[in-house]
Amino acid sequence: MSDRFIVVNARPFDGGKHAADAGQNHSKARGFVILDREENKRLSDAFLIRKEAQEECDRRNGR
């Protein structure tokens, strides 16, 4: 069975435009976020280090 929560690269939340072009803080486009595959949405938690994001995924997946 696949994990419900997985780590994905962060990306701008404006439909694919670069954050600088959209007038948003560029730091929102860096790092990693957690994707809820069941709800098919990205969670608001953001991590600069992939290992921290993976640890949170493992916690949410019950490991």
C-alpha atoms as a PDB file:
ATOM      1  CA  MET A   1       0.000   0.000   0.000  1.00  0.00           C
ATOM      2  CA  SER A   2       1.298   3.482  -0.868  1.00  0.00           C
ATOM      3  CA  ASP A   3       1.951   6.084   1.782  1.00  0.00           C
ATOM      4  CA  ARG A   4      -0.711   8.739   2.211  1.00  0.00           C
ATOM      5  CA  PHE A   5       1.796  11.524   2.886  1.00  0.00           C
ATOM      6  CA  ILE A   6       4.846  12.079   0.673  1.00  0.00           C
ATOM      7  CA  VAL A   7       7.533  14.765   0.334  1.00  0.00           C
ATOM      8  CA  VAL A   8       7.508  16.910  -2.807  1.00  0.00           C
ATOM      9  CA  ASN A   9       9.484  19.951  -3.910  1.00  0.00           C
ATOM     10  CA  ALA A  10       7.884  23.232  -2.971  1.00  0.00           C
ATOM     11  CA  ARG A  11       6.633  25.354  -5.830  1.00  0.00           C
ATOM     12  CA  PRO A  12       4.814  28.645  -6.091  1.00  0.00           C
ATOM     13  CA  PHE A  13       1.119  28.386  -5.200  1.00  0.00           C
ATOM     14  CA  ASP A  14       0.048  30.741  -8.017  1.00  0.00           C
ATOM     15  CA  GLY A  15      -0.450  28.169 -10.753  1.00  0.00           C
ATOM     16  CA  GLY A  16       3.138  27.688 -11.815  1.00  0.00           C
ATOM     17  CA  LYS A  17       4.397  31.265 -12.192  1.00  0.00           C
ATOM     18  CA  HIS A  18       7.660  32.139 -10.539  1.00  0.00           C
ATOM     19  CA  ALA A  19       7.095  33.686  -7.136  1.00  0.00           C
ATOM     20  CA  ALA A  20       9.047  36.835  -8.055  1.00  0.00           C
ATOM     21  CA  ASP A  21       6.825  37.361 -11.117  1.00  0.00           C
ATOM     22  CA  ALA A  22       3.699  37.032  -9.008  1.00  0.00           C
ATOM     23  CA  GLY A  23       4.878  39.599  -6.456  1.00  0.00           C
ATOM     24  CA  GLN A  24       5.166  37.000  -3.709  1.00  0.00           C
ATOM     25  CA  ASN A  25       7.999  36.258  -1.323  1.00  0.00           C
ATOM     26  CA  HIS A  26      10.467  34.116  -3.286  1.00  0.00           C
ATOM     27  CA  SER A  27      11.191  31.904  -0.249  1.00  0.00           C
ATOM     28  CA  LYS A  28       7.791  30.228  -0.702  1.00  0.00           C
ATOM     29  CA  ALA A  29       9.175  28.506  -3.799  1.00  0.00           C
ATOM     30  CA  ARG A  30      12.095  26.856  -1.984  1.00  0.00           C
ATOM     31  CA  GLY A  31      12.325  23.711   0.060  1.00  0.00           C
ATOM     32  CA  PHE A  32       9.878  20.870   0.482  1.00  0.00           C
ATOM     33  CA  VAL A  33       6.245  20.386   1.391  1.00  0.00           C
ATOM     34  CA  ILE A  34       4.106  17.402   2.271  1.00  0.00           C
ATOM     35  CA  LEU A  35       1.530  16.151  -0.192  1.00  0.00           C
ATOM     36  CA  ASP A  36      -1.586  14.416   1.111  1.00  0.00           C
ATOM     37  CA  ARG A  37      -2.249  11.900  -1.645  1.00  0.00           C
ATOM     38  CA  GLU A  38      -5.686  10.987  -0.303  1.00  0.00           C
ATOM     39  CA  GLU A  39      -6.947  14.594  -0.327  1.00  0.00           C
ATOM     40  CA  ASN A  40      -4.709  15.440  -3.326  1.00  0.00           C
ATOM     41  CA  LYS A  41      -3.438  18.683  -1.799  1.00  0.00           C
ATOM     42  CA  ARG A  42      -0.255  20.160  -0.409  1.00  0.00           C
ATOM     43  CA  LEU A  43      -0.175  20.805   3.323  1.00  0.00           C
ATOM     44  CA  SER A  44       0.774  24.239   4.594  1.00  0.00           C
ATOM     45  CA  ASP A  45       3.862  22.925   6.431  1.00  0.00           C
ATOM     46  CA  ALA A  46       7.080  23.861   4.596  1.00  0.00           C
ATOM     47  CA  PHE A  47      10.585  22.576   5.267  1.00  0.00           C
ATOM     48  CA  LEU A  48      13.955  23.809   4.038  1.00  0.00           C
ATOM     49  CA  ILE A  49      15.586  20.424   4.602  1.00  0.00           C
ATOM     50  CA  ARG A  50      14.210  17.284   2.950  1.00  0.00           C
ATOM     51  CA  LYS A  51      15.158  15.095   5.931  1.00  0.00           C
ATOM     52  CA  GLU A  52      12.909  17.149   8.224  1.00  0.00           C
ATOM     53  CA  ALA A  53      10.030  16.869   5.762  1.00  0.00           C
ATOM     54  CA  GLN A  54      10.561  13.107   5.485  1.00  0.00           C
ATOM     55  CA  GLU A  55      10.569  12.728   9.270  1.00  0.00           C
ATOM     56  CA  GLU A  56       7.221  14.561   9.435  1.00  0.00           C
ATOM     57  CA  CYS A  57       5.838  12.324   6.664  1.00  0.00           C
ATOM     58  CA  ASP A  58       6.954   9.236   8.556  1.00  0.00           C
ATOM     59  CA  ARG A  59       5.242  10.545  11.709  1.00  0.00           C
ATOM     60  CA  ARG A  60       2.000  11.234   9.820  1.00  0.00           C
ATOM     61  CA  ASN A  61       2.156   7.826   8.108  1.00  0.00           C
ATOM     62  CA  GLY A  62       2.450   6.124  11.511  1.00  0.00           C
ATOM     63  CA  ARG A  63       6.056   5.016  11.358  1.00  0.00           C
END
